[in-house]
């Protein structure tokens, strides 16, 4: 039996000067500013959101 993985997403860059769409994606992930982290499920929808703002965040897999 495999354990479900989650993703820890940490915002590393500011959204100042970025398109509004990218700001909304980060808000949808639950991020509110640099150095903030959230843990989200490892689903295709979250992976798609992360892919759009990968230049603004770091991602770690969490097993558990």
PDB file of N, CA and C in Angstrom:
ATOM      1  N   UNK A   1       0.841  -1.179   0.000  1.00  0.00           N
ATOM      2  CA  UNK A   1       0.000   0.000   0.000  1.00  0.00           C
ATOM      3  C   UNK A   1       0.889   1.246   0.000  1.00  0.00           C
ATOM      4  N   UNK A   2       0.622   2.158  -0.907  1.00  0.00           N
ATOM      5  CA  UNK A   2       1.431   3.371  -0.978  1.00  0.00           C
ATOM      6  C   UNK A   2       0.780   4.477  -0.162  1.00  0.00           C
ATOM      7  N   UNK A   3       1.600   5.312   0.393  1.00  0.00           N
ATOM      8  CA  UNK A   3       1.080   6.439   1.161  1.00  0.00           C
ATOM      9  C   UNK A   3       0.876   7.622   0.230  1.00  0.00           C
ATOM     10  N   UNK A   4      -0.119   8.411   0.532  1.00  0.00           N
ATOM     11  CA  UNK A   4      -0.401   9.585  -0.286  1.00  0.00           C
ATOM     12  C   UNK A   4       0.693  10.621  -0.082  1.00  0.00           C
ATOM     13  N   UNK A   5       1.120  11.236  -1.171  1.00  0.00           N
ATOM     14  CA  UNK A   5       2.131  12.277  -1.051  1.00  0.00           C
ATOM     15  C   UNK A   5       1.457  13.639  -1.098  1.00  0.00           C
ATOM     16  N   UNK A   6       2.092  14.563  -0.457  1.00  0.00           N
ATOM     17  CA  UNK A   6       1.639  15.948  -0.495  1.00  0.00           C
ATOM     18  C   UNK A   6       2.801  16.791  -0.971  1.00  0.00           C
ATOM     19  N   UNK A   7       2.507  18.013  -1.347  1.00  0.00           N
ATOM     20  CA  UNK A   7       3.534  18.925  -1.827  1.00  0.00           C
ATOM     21  C   UNK A   7       3.621  20.123  -0.899  1.00  0.00           C
ATOM     22  N   UNK A   8       4.831  20.441  -0.471  1.00  0.00           N
ATOM     23  CA  UNK A   8       5.060  21.657   0.313  1.00  0.00           C
ATOM     24  C   UNK A   8       5.538  22.718  -0.664  1.00  0.00           C
ATOM     25  N   UNK A   9       4.739  23.764  -0.801  1.00  0.00           N
ATOM     26  CA  UNK A   9       5.039  24.842  -1.743  1.00  0.00           C
ATOM     27  C   UNK A   9       5.421  26.079  -0.955  1.00  0.00           C
ATOM     28  N   UNK A  10       6.597  26.629  -1.248  1.00  0.00           N
ATOM     29  CA  UNK A  10       7.091  27.827  -0.563  1.00  0.00           C
ATOM     30  C   UNK A  10       7.305  28.927  -1.588  1.00  0.00           C
ATOM     31  N   UNK A  11       6.712  30.077  -1.327  1.00  0.00           N
ATOM     32  CA  UNK A  11       6.901  31.219  -2.223  1.00  0.00           C
ATOM     33  C   UNK A  11       8.263  31.833  -1.943  1.00  0.00           C
ATOM     34  N   UNK A  12       9.086  32.001  -2.990  1.00  0.00           N
ATOM     35  CA  UNK A  12      10.428  32.542  -2.802  1.00  0.00           C
ATOM     36  C   UNK A  12      10.611  33.910  -3.450  1.00  0.00           C
ATOM     37  N   UNK A  13       9.680  34.307  -4.316  1.00  0.00           N
ATOM     38  CA  UNK A  13       9.771  35.615  -4.962  1.00  0.00           C
ATOM     39  C   UNK A  13       8.445  36.354  -4.825  1.00  0.00           C
ATOM     40  N   UNK A  14       8.525  37.673  -4.857  1.00  0.00           N
ATOM     41  CA  UNK A  14       7.355  38.521  -4.732  1.00  0.00           C
ATOM     42  C   UNK A  14       6.553  38.547  -6.032  1.00  0.00           C
ATOM     43  N   UNK A  15       5.284  38.926  -5.917  1.00  0.00           N
ATOM     44  CA  UNK A  15       4.432  39.048  -7.110  1.00  0.00           C
ATOM     45  C   UNK A  15       4.407  40.478  -7.643  1.00  0.00           C
ATOM     46  N   UNK A  16       5.184  41.357  -7.054  1.00  0.00           N
ATOM     47  CA  UNK A  16       5.218  42.741  -7.526  1.00  0.00           C
ATOM     48  C   UNK A  16       5.708  42.762  -8.978  1.00  0.00           C
ATOM     49  N   UNK A  17       4.937  43.396  -9.831  1.00  0.00           N
ATOM     50  CA  UNK A  17       5.298  43.498 -11.244  1.00  0.00           C
ATOM     51  C   UNK A  17       4.926  42.273 -12.067  1.00  0.00           C
ATOM     52  N   UNK A  18       4.292  41.295 -11.454  1.00  0.00           N
ATOM     53  CA  UNK A  18       3.877  40.074 -12.158  1.00  0.00           C
ATOM     54  C   UNK A  18       2.447  40.250 -12.661  1.00  0.00           C
ATOM     55  N   UNK A  19       2.072  39.486 -13.679  1.00  0.00           N
ATOM     56  CA  UNK A  19       0.689  39.556 -14.165  1.00  0.00           C
ATOM     57  C   UNK A  19      -0.315  39.167 -13.077  1.00  0.00           C
ATOM     58  N   UNK A  20      -1.501  39.759 -13.151  1.00  0.00           N
ATOM     59  CA  UNK A  20      -2.536  39.502 -12.155  1.00  0.00           C
ATOM     60  C   UNK A  20      -2.896  38.016 -12.088  1.00  0.00           C
ATOM     61  N   UNK A  21      -2.838  37.343 -13.221  1.00  0.00           N
ATOM     62  CA  UNK A  21      -3.162  35.914 -13.258  1.00  0.00           C
ATOM     63  C   UNK A  21      -2.238  35.112 -12.341  1.00  0.00           C
ATOM     64  N   UNK A  22      -0.946  35.449 -12.337  1.00  0.00           N
ATOM     65  CA  UNK A  22      -0.001  34.749 -11.471  1.00  0.00           C
ATOM     66  C   UNK A  22      -0.284  35.049 -10.004  1.00  0.00           C
ATOM     67  N   UNK A  23      -0.677  36.284  -9.697  1.00  0.00           N
ATOM     68  CA  UNK A  23      -1.032  36.640  -8.324  1.00  0.00           C
ATOM     69  C   UNK A  23      -2.231  35.822  -7.862  1.00  0.00           C
ATOM     70  N   UNK A  24      -3.220  35.651  -8.744  1.00  0.00           N
ATOM     71  CA  UNK A  24      -4.416  34.888  -8.401  1.00  0.00           C
ATOM     72  C   UNK A  24      -4.101  33.410  -8.214  1.00  0.00           C
ATOM     73  N   UNK A  25      -3.182  32.888  -9.000  1.00  0.00           N
ATOM     74  CA  UNK A  25      -2.791  31.483  -8.855  1.00  0.00           C
ATOM     75  C   UNK A  25      -2.142  31.258  -7.494  1.00  0.00           C
ATOM     76  N   UNK A  26      -1.243  32.156  -7.097  1.00  0.00           N
ATOM     77  CA  UNK A  26      -0.601  32.032  -5.783  1.00  0.00           C
ATOM     78  C   UNK A  26      -1.632  32.146  -4.661  1.00  0.00           C
ATOM     79  N   UNK A  27      -2.588  33.049  -4.820  1.00  0.00           N
ATOM     80  CA  UNK A  27      -3.647  33.179  -3.814  1.00  0.00           C
ATOM     81  C   UNK A  27      -4.480  31.900  -3.762  1.00  0.00           C
ATOM     82  N   UNK A  28      -4.731  31.302  -4.902  1.00  0.00           N
ATOM     83  CA  UNK A  28      -5.476  30.053  -4.960  1.00  0.00           C
ATOM     84  C   UNK A  28      -4.749  28.905  -4.275  1.00  0.00           C
ATOM     85  N   UNK A  29      -3.429  28.951  -4.321  1.00  0.00           N
ATOM     86  CA  UNK A  29      -2.633  27.948  -3.619  1.00  0.00           C
ATOM     87  C   UNK A  29      -2.592  28.214  -2.112  1.00  0.00           C
ATOM     88  N   UNK A  30      -2.956  29.434  -1.718  1.00  0.00           N
ATOM     89  CA  UNK A  30      -2.942  29.786  -0.300  1.00  0.00           C
ATOM     90  C   UNK A  30      -1.701  30.552   0.116  1.00  0.00           C
ATOM     91  N   UNK A  31      -0.919  30.993  -0.850  1.00  0.00           N
ATOM     92  CA  UNK A  31       0.308  31.741  -0.546  1.00  0.00           C
ATOM     93  C   UNK A  31       0.007  33.232  -0.522  1.00  0.00           C
ATOM     94  N   UNK A  32       0.565  33.920   0.479  1.00  0.00           N
ATOM     95  CA  UNK A  32       0.282  35.339   0.652  1.00  0.00           C
ATOM     96  C   UNK A  32       1.515  36.210   0.644  1.00  0.00           C
ATOM     97  N   UNK A  33       2.680  35.670   0.345  1.00  0.00           N
ATOM     98  CA  UNK A  33       3.883  36.479   0.299  1.00  0.00           C
ATOM     99  C   UNK A  33       5.118  35.619   0.396  1.00  0.00           C
ATOM    100  N   UNK A  34       6.269  36.214   0.084  1.00  0.00           N
ATOM    101  CA  UNK A  34       7.523  35.473   0.151  1.00  0.00           C
ATOM    102  C   UNK A  34       7.758  34.854   1.530  1.00  0.00           C
ATOM    103  N   UNK A  35       8.372  33.701   1.536  1.00  0.00           N
ATOM    104  CA  UNK A  35       8.705  32.922   2.736  1.00  0.00           C
ATOM    105  C   UNK A  35       7.499  32.227   3.355  1.00  0.00           C
ATOM    106  N   UNK A  36       6.339  32.310   2.732  1.00  0.00           N
ATOM    107  CA  UNK A  36       5.156  31.596   3.216  1.00  0.00           C
ATOM    108  C   UNK A  36       5.127  30.217   2.573  1.00  0.00           C
ATOM    109  N   UNK A  37       4.676  29.229   3.342  1.00  0.00           N
ATOM    110  CA  UNK A  37       4.589  27.860   2.848  1.00  0.00           C
ATOM    111  C   UNK A  37       3.200  27.297   3.074  1.00  0.00           C
ATOM    112  N   UNK A  38       2.786  26.412   2.174  1.00  0.00           N
ATOM    113  CA  UNK A  38       1.534  25.681   2.327  1.00  0.00           C
ATOM    114  C   UNK A  38       1.786  24.236   1.926  1.00  0.00           C
ATOM    115  N   UNK A  39       0.957  23.347   2.436  1.00  0.00           N
ATOM    116  CA  UNK A  39       1.015  21.945   2.043  1.00  0.00           C
ATOM    117  C   UNK A  39      -0.273  21.635   1.302  1.00  0.00           C
ATOM    118  N   UNK A  40      -0.150  21.150   0.064  1.00  0.00           N
ATOM    119  CA  UNK A  40      -1.313  20.843  -0.769  1.00  0.00           C
ATOM    120  C   UNK A  40      -1.238  19.391  -1.218  1.00  0.00           C
ATOM    121  N   UNK A  41      -2.376  18.857  -1.630  1.00  0.00           N
ATOM    122  CA  UNK A  41      -2.416  17.494  -2.155  1.00  0.00           C
ATOM    123  C   UNK A  41      -1.676  17.414  -3.476  1.00  0.00           C
ATOM    124  N   UNK A  42      -1.155  16.247  -3.758  1.00  0.00           N
ATOM    125  CA  UNK A  42      -0.437  16.020  -5.016  1.00  0.00           C
ATOM    126  C   UNK A  42      -1.445  15.565  -6.069  1.00  0.00           C
ATOM    127  N   UNK A  43      -2.177  16.533  -6.629  1.00  0.00           N
ATOM    128  CA  UNK A  43      -3.185  16.239  -7.639  1.00  0.00           C
ATOM    129  C   UNK A  43      -2.834  16.973  -8.928  1.00  0.00           C
ATOM    130  N   UNK A  44      -3.391  16.528 -10.054  1.00  0.00           N
ATOM    131  CA  UNK A  44      -3.104  17.215 -11.323  1.00  0.00           C
ATOM    132  C   UNK A  44      -3.483  18.693 -11.314  1.00  0.00           C
ATOM    133  N   UNK A  45      -4.562  19.056 -10.617  1.00  0.00           N
ATOM    134  CA  UNK A  45      -4.973  20.459 -10.602  1.00  0.00           C
ATOM    135  C   UNK A  45      -3.953  21.337  -9.865  1.00  0.00           C
ATOM    136  N   UNK A  46      -3.474  20.865  -8.705  1.00  0.00           N
ATOM    137  CA  UNK A  46      -2.461  21.636  -7.987  1.00  0.00           C
ATOM    138  C   UNK A  46      -1.144  21.652  -8.758  1.00  0.00           C
ATOM    139  N   UNK A  47      -0.782  20.540  -9.383  1.00  0.00           N
ATOM    140  CA  UNK A  47       0.456  20.503 -10.172  1.00  0.00           C
ATOM    141  C   UNK A  47       0.392  21.496 -11.339  1.00  0.00           C
ATOM    142  N   UNK A  48      -0.774  21.631 -11.950  1.00  0.00           N
ATOM    143  CA  UNK A  48      -0.947  22.600 -13.038  1.00  0.00           C
ATOM    144  C   UNK A  48      -0.785  24.024 -12.559  1.00  0.00           C
ATOM    145  N   UNK A  49      -1.340  24.318 -11.381  1.00  0.00           N
ATOM    146  CA  UNK A  49      -1.204  25.662 -10.813  1.00  0.00           C
ATOM    147  C   UNK A  49       0.265  25.958 -10.507  1.00  0.00           C
ATOM    148  N   UNK A  50       0.948  24.966  -9.923  1.00  0.00           N
ATOM    149  CA  UNK A  50       2.359  25.147  -9.572  1.00  0.00           C
ATOM    150  C   UNK A  50       3.197  25.361 -10.828  1.00  0.00           C
ATOM    151  N   UNK A  51       2.876  24.637 -11.895  1.00  0.00           N
ATOM    152  CA  UNK A  51       3.635  24.761 -13.145  1.00  0.00           C
ATOM    153  C   UNK A  51       3.573  26.184 -13.708  1.00  0.00           C
ATOM    154  N   UNK A  52       2.439  26.865 -13.503  1.00  0.00           N
ATOM    155  CA  UNK A  52       2.276  28.236 -14.006  1.00  0.00           C
ATOM    156  C   UNK A  52       3.128  29.251 -13.248  1.00  0.00           C
ATOM    157  N   UNK A  53       3.475  28.948 -11.996  1.00  0.00           N
ATOM    158  CA  UNK A  53       4.236  29.904 -11.175  1.00  0.00           C
ATOM    159  C   UNK A  53       5.512  29.283 -10.625  1.00  0.00           C
ATOM    160  N   UNK A  54       6.048  28.270 -11.302  1.00  0.00           N
ATOM    161  CA  UNK A  54       7.215  27.540 -10.806  1.00  0.00           C
ATOM    162  C   UNK A  54       8.421  28.467 -10.606  1.00  0.00           C
ATOM    163  N   UNK A  55       8.477  29.573 -11.337  1.00  0.00           N
ATOM    164  CA  UNK A  55       9.586  30.518 -11.202  1.00  0.00           C
ATOM    165  C   UNK A  55       9.477  31.362  -9.930  1.00  0.00           C
ATOM    166  N   UNK A  56       8.342  31.276  -9.232  1.00  0.00           N
ATOM    167  CA  UNK A  56       8.127  32.069  -8.014  1.00  0.00           C
ATOM    168  C   UNK A  56       8.138  31.208  -6.749  1.00  0.00           C
ATOM    169  N   UNK A  57       8.183  29.884  -6.906  1.00  0.00           N
ATOM    170  CA  UNK A  57       8.046  28.986  -5.752  1.00  0.00           C
ATOM    171  C   UNK A  57       9.089  27.870  -5.781  1.00  0.00           C
ATOM    172  N   UNK A  58       9.252  27.212  -4.621  1.00  0.00           N
ATOM    173  CA  UNK A  58       9.989  25.960  -4.567  1.00  0.00           C
ATOM    174  C   UNK A  58       9.015  24.885  -4.103  1.00  0.00           C
ATOM    175  N   UNK A  59       9.258  23.647  -4.525  1.00  0.00           N
ATOM    176  CA  UNK A  59       8.328  22.560  -4.228  1.00  0.00           C
ATOM    177  C   UNK A  59       9.093  21.385  -3.656  1.00  0.00           C
ATOM    178  N   UNK A  60       8.569  20.815  -2.558  1.00  0.00           N
ATOM    179  CA  UNK A  60       9.138  19.620  -1.949  1.00  0.00           C
ATOM    180  C   UNK A  60       8.034  18.579  -1.818  1.00  0.00           C
ATOM    181  N   UNK A  61       8.378  17.310  -2.034  1.00  0.00           N
ATOM    182  CA  UNK A  61       7.415  16.240  -1.812  1.00  0.00           C
ATOM    183  C   UNK A  61       7.471  15.812  -0.363  1.00  0.00           C
ATOM    184  N   UNK A  62       6.311  15.606   0.242  1.00  0.00           N
ATOM    185  CA  UNK A  62       6.225  15.147   1.617  1.00  0.00           C
ATOM    186  C   UNK A  62       5.498  13.811   1.600  1.00  0.00           C
ATOM    187  N   UNK A  63       6.110  12.785   2.180  1.00  0.00           N
ATOM    188  CA  UNK A  63       5.468  11.477   2.253  1.00  0.00           C
ATOM    189  C   UNK A  63       4.808  11.337   3.610  1.00  0.00           C
ATOM    190  N   UNK A  64       3.570  10.862   3.592  1.00  0.00           N
ATOM    191  CA  UNK A  64       2.954  10.692   4.899  1.00  0.00           C
ATOM    192  C   UNK A  64       1.496  10.571   4.888  1.00  0.00           C
TER     193      UNK A  64
END
